[in-house]
Amino acid sequence: MLKHVPERYRGFFRYLLFSFYAAIWDSATVWVLFTVFEFSIVLSNTAGVIMGFLLHYLLSSRSVFHTQYSLKGFVIYFLTFLIGLVAANYIVWSVFYLAEPGFGHTVAFLFGKGLSIVIPFFLIFFMRRYLYSHHSGRKY
């Protein structure tokens, strides 16, 4: 599928694809917890992001960043995840509560969740790429 993509960009596109899978898993978890079980938006989002993080780590740490499953690699992934989690929760919470009065519950949720996926995606990818290349001496 990625054979027509220049080698330089394949890691990014793999990361994007794995992020898409993780985002589906994440969003489904959040939707169920928030709408069916009526958990708070922040608690629901935290649970969803954790589920997406675990799936994403297993899929991308070896195939995108070419690292072994090691404590050092997991620490890099986990610390960047925490930064992304804080950013995602702030975004979903603030957008939801700002947008809900004008757009309603569902649209505000979807808009907030969408932004809380896209913005941290780029932040985390570039942080991980920098940290893994600094750690291993490779360029990604």
N, C-alpha and C. Protein backbone atom coordinates (compact mmCIF):
# COMPACT_ATOMS: atom_id res chain seq x y z
N MET A 1 0.81 -1.18 0.00
CA MET A 1 0.00 0.00 0.00
C MET A 1 0.86 1.26 0.00
N LEU A 2 1.98 1.24 0.68
CA LEU A 2 2.84 2.42 0.76
C LEU A 2 4.02 2.37 -0.19
N LYS A 3 4.04 1.40 -1.11
CA LYS A 3 5.21 1.26 -1.97
C LYS A 3 5.37 2.43 -2.94
N HIS A 4 4.30 3.18 -3.21
CA HIS A 4 4.40 4.33 -4.10
C HIS A 4 4.75 5.62 -3.36
N VAL A 5 4.77 5.54 -2.05
CA VAL A 5 5.12 6.71 -1.23
C VAL A 5 6.64 6.75 -1.07
N PRO A 6 7.27 7.91 -1.28
CA PRO A 6 8.72 7.98 -1.08
C PRO A 6 9.12 7.49 0.31
N GLU A 7 10.25 6.82 0.38
CA GLU A 7 10.74 6.21 1.63
C GLU A 7 10.75 7.21 2.79
N ARG A 8 11.10 8.43 2.48
CA ARG A 8 11.20 9.46 3.52
C ARG A 8 9.87 9.69 4.26
N TYR A 9 8.74 9.47 3.58
CA TYR A 9 7.43 9.76 4.17
C TYR A 9 6.68 8.51 4.63
N ARG A 10 7.22 7.34 4.40
CA ARG A 10 6.49 6.12 4.76
C ARG A 10 6.21 6.00 6.24
N GLY A 11 7.18 6.36 7.07
CA GLY A 11 6.97 6.30 8.51
C GLY A 11 5.82 7.18 8.95
N PHE A 12 5.75 8.38 8.38
CA PHE A 12 4.65 9.29 8.72
C PHE A 12 3.31 8.70 8.30
N PHE A 13 3.25 8.13 7.09
CA PHE A 13 1.98 7.57 6.62
C PHE A 13 1.58 6.32 7.41
N ARG A 14 2.56 5.52 7.82
CA ARG A 14 2.24 4.39 8.70
C ARG A 14 1.69 4.91 10.03
N TYR A 15 2.36 5.91 10.56
CA TYR A 15 1.92 6.52 11.82
C TYR A 15 0.50 7.07 11.67
N LEU A 16 0.22 7.71 10.55
CA LEU A 16 -1.11 8.25 10.28
C LEU A 16 -2.15 7.12 10.21
N LEU A 17 -1.83 6.05 9.52
CA LEU A 17 -2.75 4.91 9.42
C LEU A 17 -3.01 4.29 10.79
N PHE A 18 -1.96 4.06 11.55
CA PHE A 18 -2.13 3.48 12.89
C PHE A 18 -2.88 4.45 13.81
N SER A 19 -2.68 5.73 13.61
CA SER A 19 -3.41 6.73 14.39
C SER A 19 -4.89 6.70 14.05
N PHE A 20 -5.20 6.44 12.80
CA PHE A 20 -6.60 6.31 12.38
C PHE A 20 -7.25 5.13 13.10
N TYR A 21 -6.58 3.98 13.12
CA TYR A 21 -7.11 2.81 13.84
C TYR A 21 -7.30 3.13 15.32
N ALA A 22 -6.30 3.74 15.91
CA ALA A 22 -6.37 4.09 17.34
C ALA A 22 -7.48 5.11 17.60
N ALA A 23 -7.67 6.05 16.68
CA ALA A 23 -8.71 7.07 16.84
C ALA A 23 -10.10 6.46 16.79
N ILE A 24 -10.29 5.47 15.95
CA ILE A 24 -11.59 4.78 15.89
C ILE A 24 -11.85 4.08 17.22
N TRP A 25 -10.87 3.34 17.71
CA TRP A 25 -10.99 2.63 18.99
C TRP A 25 -11.21 3.63 20.13
N ASP A 26 -10.44 4.68 20.14
CA ASP A 26 -10.53 5.75 21.14
C ASP A 26 -11.93 6.37 21.12
N SER A 27 -12.37 6.82 19.95
CA SER A 27 -13.65 7.52 19.84
C SER A 27 -14.84 6.63 20.20
N ALA A 28 -14.78 5.38 19.81
CA ALA A 28 -15.86 4.45 20.16
C ALA A 28 -15.94 4.27 21.67
N THR A 29 -14.79 4.15 22.30
CA THR A 29 -14.76 4.02 23.77
C THR A 29 -15.35 5.26 24.43
N VAL A 30 -14.93 6.44 23.97
CA VAL A 30 -15.42 7.69 24.55
C VAL A 30 -16.93 7.82 24.34
N TRP A 31 -17.38 7.52 23.14
CA TRP A 31 -18.80 7.66 22.81
C TRP A 31 -19.66 6.78 23.73
N VAL A 32 -19.26 5.55 23.90
CA VAL A 32 -20.02 4.63 24.76
C VAL A 32 -20.01 5.11 26.21
N LEU A 33 -18.84 5.46 26.72
CA LEU A 33 -18.76 5.89 28.12
C LEU A 33 -19.53 7.20 28.36
N PHE A 34 -19.44 8.11 27.40
CA PHE A 34 -20.06 9.43 27.57
C PHE A 34 -21.57 9.41 27.33
N THR A 35 -22.01 8.71 26.28
CA THR A 35 -23.43 8.75 25.94
C THR A 35 -24.24 7.63 26.57
N VAL A 36 -23.69 6.44 26.65
CA VAL A 36 -24.44 5.32 27.20
C VAL A 36 -24.36 5.29 28.73
N PHE A 37 -23.13 5.38 29.25
CA PHE A 37 -22.94 5.28 30.70
C PHE A 37 -22.94 6.64 31.40
N GLU A 38 -22.97 7.73 30.61
CA GLU A 38 -23.04 9.10 31.12
C GLU A 38 -21.90 9.46 32.07
N PHE A 39 -20.69 8.97 31.76
CA PHE A 39 -19.51 9.40 32.50
C PHE A 39 -19.19 10.83 32.07
N SER A 40 -18.37 11.52 32.83
CA SER A 40 -17.98 12.88 32.44
C SER A 40 -17.18 12.84 31.15
N ILE A 41 -17.16 13.96 30.45
CA ILE A 41 -16.43 14.03 29.18
C ILE A 41 -14.94 13.80 29.38
N VAL A 42 -14.38 14.33 30.46
CA VAL A 42 -12.94 14.17 30.69
C VAL A 42 -12.60 12.74 31.06
N LEU A 43 -13.38 12.10 31.93
CA LEU A 43 -13.14 10.71 32.29
C LEU A 43 -13.30 9.79 31.08
N SER A 44 -14.35 10.02 30.30
CA SER A 44 -14.58 9.22 29.09
C SER A 44 -13.43 9.39 28.10
N ASN A 45 -13.01 10.63 27.90
CA ASN A 45 -11.92 10.90 26.96
C ASN A 45 -10.62 10.29 27.44
N THR A 46 -10.35 10.35 28.73
CA THR A 46 -9.13 9.76 29.27
C THR A 46 -9.10 8.26 29.03
N ALA A 47 -10.21 7.59 29.30
CA ALA A 47 -10.28 6.14 29.06
C ALA A 47 -10.09 5.82 27.57
N GLY A 48 -10.71 6.59 26.70
CA GLY A 48 -10.57 6.37 25.27
C GLY A 48 -9.15 6.59 24.78
N VAL A 49 -8.54 7.66 25.25
CA VAL A 49 -7.16 7.96 24.83
C VAL A 49 -6.20 6.88 25.31
N ILE A 50 -6.42 6.36 26.51
CA ILE A 50 -5.57 5.27 27.01
C ILE A 50 -5.72 4.03 26.14
N MET A 51 -6.95 3.69 25.76
CA MET A 51 -7.17 2.53 24.89
C MET A 51 -6.47 2.74 23.54
N GLY A 52 -6.61 3.93 22.98
CA GLY A 52 -5.96 4.24 21.71
C GLY A 52 -4.44 4.22 21.83
N PHE A 53 -3.92 4.71 22.95
CA PHE A 53 -2.48 4.72 23.19
C PHE A 53 -1.91 3.30 23.17
N LEU A 54 -2.56 2.39 23.87
CA LEU A 54 -2.06 1.01 23.93
C LEU A 54 -2.03 0.37 22.55
N LEU A 55 -3.11 0.53 21.79
CA LEU A 55 -3.15 -0.01 20.44
C LEU A 55 -2.07 0.64 19.57
N HIS A 56 -1.95 1.95 19.65
CA HIS A 56 -0.98 2.68 18.83
C HIS A 56 0.45 2.28 19.16
N TYR A 57 0.76 2.13 20.43
CA TYR A 57 2.11 1.73 20.83
C TYR A 57 2.47 0.38 20.23
N LEU A 58 1.57 -0.57 20.33
CA LEU A 58 1.84 -1.91 19.81
C LEU A 58 2.01 -1.90 18.29
N LEU A 59 1.24 -1.08 17.60
CA LEU A 59 1.32 -1.05 16.14
C LEU A 59 2.51 -0.26 15.61
N SER A 60 2.84 0.87 16.24
CA SER A 60 3.79 1.77 15.59
C SER A 60 5.20 1.83 16.15
N SER A 61 5.43 1.38 17.36
CA SER A 61 6.77 1.59 17.91
C SER A 61 7.84 0.86 17.10
N ARG A 62 7.55 -0.32 16.63
CA ARG A 62 8.54 -1.04 15.81
C ARG A 62 8.48 -0.63 14.35
N SER A 63 7.30 -0.50 13.80
CA SER A 63 7.21 -0.30 12.36
C SER A 63 7.42 1.15 11.92
N VAL A 64 7.22 2.11 12.81
CA VAL A 64 7.44 3.52 12.44
C VAL A 64 8.78 4.01 12.96
N PHE A 65 9.06 3.75 14.24
CA PHE A 65 10.27 4.28 14.86
C PHE A 65 11.39 3.25 14.96
N HIS A 66 11.15 2.03 14.49
CA HIS A 66 12.15 0.96 14.43
C HIS A 66 12.84 0.73 15.77
N THR A 67 12.04 0.70 16.82
CA THR A 67 12.58 0.45 18.16
C THR A 67 12.07 -0.90 18.67
N GLN A 68 12.81 -1.46 19.56
CA GLN A 68 12.38 -2.68 20.22
C GLN A 68 11.42 -2.30 21.34
N TYR A 69 10.62 -3.26 21.74
CA TYR A 69 9.78 -3.03 22.92
C TYR A 69 10.69 -3.06 24.13
N SER A 70 11.11 -1.89 24.57
CA SER A 70 12.03 -1.79 25.70
C SER A 70 11.48 -0.77 26.70
N LEU A 71 12.05 -0.77 27.87
CA LEU A 71 11.61 0.17 28.89
C LEU A 71 11.86 1.61 28.44
N LYS A 72 13.03 1.86 27.86
CA LYS A 72 13.38 3.21 27.41
C LYS A 72 12.41 3.68 26.31
N GLY A 73 12.15 2.79 25.35
CA GLY A 73 11.22 3.14 24.28
C GLY A 73 9.82 3.38 24.80
N PHE A 74 9.39 2.54 25.74
CA PHE A 74 8.05 2.71 26.32
C PHE A 74 7.96 4.01 27.11
N VAL A 75 9.02 4.36 27.82
CA VAL A 75 9.02 5.60 28.60
C VAL A 75 8.85 6.80 27.67
N ILE A 76 9.57 6.81 26.55
CA ILE A 76 9.41 7.89 25.57
C ILE A 76 7.97 7.94 25.08
N TYR A 77 7.44 6.80 24.70
CA TYR A 77 6.07 6.73 24.20
C TYR A 77 5.08 7.19 25.27
N PHE A 78 5.29 6.73 26.50
CA PHE A 78 4.36 7.04 27.58
C PHE A 78 4.41 8.52 27.97
N LEU A 79 5.60 9.10 28.07
CA LEU A 79 5.69 10.52 28.44
C LEU A 79 5.07 11.42 27.37
N THR A 80 5.30 11.10 26.11
CA THR A 80 4.67 11.89 25.05
C THR A 80 3.16 11.66 25.05
N PHE A 81 2.74 10.45 25.39
CA PHE A 81 1.31 10.16 25.53
C PHE A 81 0.69 11.05 26.61
N LEU A 82 1.36 11.19 27.75
CA LEU A 82 0.81 12.02 28.83
C LEU A 82 0.64 13.47 28.39
N ILE A 83 1.61 13.98 27.65
CA ILE A 83 1.50 15.35 27.13
C ILE A 83 0.31 15.44 26.17
N GLY A 84 0.19 14.44 25.30
CA GLY A 84 -0.94 14.41 24.38
C GLY A 84 -2.28 14.26 25.09
N LEU A 85 -2.30 13.48 26.16
CA LEU A 85 -3.54 13.29 26.93
C LEU A 85 -3.99 14.60 27.56
N VAL A 86 -3.07 15.33 28.15
CA VAL A 86 -3.42 16.62 28.76
C VAL A 86 -3.95 17.57 27.67
N ALA A 87 -3.26 17.61 26.54
CA ALA A 87 -3.71 18.48 25.44
C ALA A 87 -5.08 18.05 24.94
N ALA A 88 -5.28 16.74 24.74
CA ALA A 88 -6.56 16.23 24.22
C ALA A 88 -7.70 16.52 25.19
N ASN A 89 -7.47 16.29 26.47
CA ASN A 89 -8.54 16.55 27.45
C ASN A 89 -8.88 18.03 27.53
N TYR A 90 -7.87 18.87 27.49
CA TYR A 90 -8.14 20.31 27.52
C TYR A 90 -8.94 20.73 26.28
N ILE A 91 -8.54 20.22 25.13
CA ILE A 91 -9.22 20.59 23.88
C ILE A 91 -10.66 20.08 23.88
N VAL A 92 -10.88 18.79 24.19
CA VAL A 92 -12.24 18.24 24.13
C VAL A 92 -13.14 18.92 25.15
N TRP A 93 -12.63 19.18 26.33
CA TRP A 93 -13.42 19.82 27.38
C TRP A 93 -13.78 21.26 27.00
N SER A 94 -12.78 22.04 26.60
CA SER A 94 -13.04 23.46 26.31
C SER A 94 -13.91 23.63 25.08
N VAL A 95 -13.64 22.88 24.02
CA VAL A 95 -14.45 23.01 22.81
C VAL A 95 -15.88 22.55 23.08
N PHE A 96 -16.05 21.44 23.79
CA PHE A 96 -17.39 20.94 24.08
C PHE A 96 -18.21 21.99 24.85
N TYR A 97 -17.65 22.52 25.90
CA TYR A 97 -18.42 23.47 26.72
C TYR A 97 -18.59 24.84 26.06
N LEU A 98 -17.69 25.21 25.17
CA LEU A 98 -17.88 26.46 24.43
C LEU A 98 -18.90 26.29 23.30
N ALA A 99 -18.90 25.12 22.66
CA ALA A 99 -19.75 24.90 21.49
C ALA A 99 -21.14 24.37 21.83
N GLU A 100 -21.31 23.71 22.97
CA GLU A 100 -22.60 23.07 23.28
C GLU A 100 -23.78 24.04 23.28
N PRO A 101 -23.68 25.24 23.85
CA PRO A 101 -24.85 26.11 23.84
C PRO A 101 -25.34 26.47 22.43
N GLY A 102 -24.45 26.62 21.50
CA GLY A 102 -24.84 27.01 20.14
C GLY A 102 -25.10 25.86 19.19
N PHE A 103 -24.47 24.71 19.42
CA PHE A 103 -24.55 23.62 18.46
C PHE A 103 -25.20 22.35 18.99
N GLY A 104 -25.44 22.28 20.27
CA GLY A 104 -26.05 21.08 20.85
C GLY A 104 -25.00 20.08 21.30
N HIS A 105 -25.49 19.13 22.07
CA HIS A 105 -24.64 18.14 22.74
C HIS A 105 -23.81 17.30 21.75
N THR A 106 -24.46 16.72 20.76
CA THR A 106 -23.79 15.78 19.85
C THR A 106 -22.77 16.48 18.96
N VAL A 107 -23.16 17.57 18.34
CA VAL A 107 -22.25 18.28 17.44
C VAL A 107 -21.06 18.84 18.22
N ALA A 108 -21.32 19.38 19.40
CA ALA A 108 -20.22 19.90 20.23
C ALA A 108 -19.26 18.80 20.62
N PHE A 109 -19.80 17.62 20.95
CA PHE A 109 -18.95 16.48 21.29
C PHE A 109 -18.09 16.08 20.09
N LEU A 110 -18.72 15.90 18.94
CA LEU A 110 -17.98 15.45 17.75
C LEU A 110 -16.92 16.46 17.33
N PHE A 111 -17.23 17.72 17.38
CA PHE A 111 -16.26 18.76 17.02
C PHE A 111 -15.09 18.77 18.01
N GLY A 112 -15.41 18.73 19.29
CA GLY A 112 -14.36 18.72 20.31
C GLY A 112 -13.49 17.48 20.23
N LYS A 113 -14.12 16.32 20.02
CA LYS A 113 -13.35 15.08 19.92
C LYS A 113 -12.48 15.09 18.68
N GLY A 114 -13.01 15.59 17.57
CA GLY A 114 -12.21 15.67 16.35
C GLY A 114 -10.97 16.52 16.52
N LEU A 115 -11.14 17.70 17.09
CA LEU A 115 -9.98 18.57 17.33
C LEU A 115 -9.01 17.97 18.33
N SER A 116 -9.55 17.23 19.32
CA SER A 116 -8.68 16.64 20.34
C SER A 116 -7.89 15.45 19.80
N ILE A 117 -8.24 14.98 18.62
CA ILE A 117 -7.47 13.92 17.95
C ILE A 117 -6.42 14.55 17.03
N VAL A 118 -6.84 15.51 16.22
CA VAL A 118 -5.98 16.06 15.18
C VAL A 118 -4.81 16.88 15.74
N ILE A 119 -5.08 17.77 16.65
CA ILE A 119 -4.03 18.66 17.16
C ILE A 119 -2.95 17.88 17.91
N PRO A 120 -3.31 17.02 18.88
CA PRO A 120 -2.26 16.23 19.55
C PRO A 120 -1.54 15.24 18.63
N PHE A 121 -2.21 14.80 17.55
CA PHE A 121 -1.56 13.88 16.60
C PHE A 121 -0.24 14.46 16.11
N PHE A 122 -0.27 15.69 15.62
CA PHE A 122 0.95 16.31 15.09
C PHE A 122 1.95 16.61 16.20
N LEU A 123 1.47 17.12 17.30
CA LEU A 123 2.34 17.41 18.44
C LEU A 123 3.11 16.16 18.87
N ILE A 124 2.41 15.08 19.06
CA ILE A 124 3.03 13.84 19.55
C ILE A 124 3.94 13.22 18.50
N PHE A 125 3.52 13.21 17.24
CA PHE A 125 4.36 12.60 16.20
C PHE A 125 5.73 13.27 16.16
N PHE A 126 5.76 14.59 16.11
CA PHE A 126 7.04 15.29 15.99
C PHE A 126 7.87 15.19 17.26
N MET A 127 7.22 15.15 18.42
CA MET A 127 7.96 14.95 19.66
C MET A 127 8.59 13.55 19.68
N ARG A 128 7.80 12.54 19.31
CA ARG A 128 8.33 11.17 19.31
C ARG A 128 9.44 11.02 18.29
N ARG A 129 9.26 11.57 17.12
CA ARG A 129 10.29 11.47 16.09
C ARG A 129 11.59 12.09 16.58
N TYR A 130 11.50 13.25 17.19
CA TYR A 130 12.69 13.90 17.72
C TYR A 130 13.34 13.06 18.82
N LEU A 131 12.55 12.61 19.79
CA LEU A 131 13.10 11.87 20.92
C LEU A 131 13.69 10.53 20.50
N TYR A 132 13.01 9.80 19.61
CA TYR A 132 13.55 8.52 19.15
C TYR A 132 14.82 8.72 18.33
N SER A 133 14.85 9.76 17.48
CA SER A 133 16.06 9.98 16.69
C SER A 133 17.21 10.43 17.59
N HIS A 134 16.92 11.23 18.59
CA HIS A 134 17.94 11.66 19.55
C HIS A 134 18.44 10.47 20.37
N HIS A 135 17.54 9.60 20.74
CA HIS A 135 17.87 8.42 21.55
C HIS A 135 18.68 7.40 20.75
N SER A 136 18.32 7.20 19.48
CA SER A 136 18.96 6.14 18.71
C SER A 136 20.03 6.63 17.74
N GLY A 137 20.05 7.92 17.45
CA GLY A 137 21.00 8.44 16.48
C GLY A 137 20.51 8.29 15.05
N ARG A 138 19.31 7.74 14.84
CA ARG A 138 18.73 7.59 13.50
C ARG A 138 17.90 8.82 13.15
N LYS A 139 17.73 9.04 11.86
CA LYS A 139 16.82 10.08 11.39
C LYS A 139 15.55 9.41 10.93
N TYR A 140 14.42 9.98 11.30
CA TYR A 140 13.11 9.44 10.90
C TYR A 140 12.37 10.43 10.06
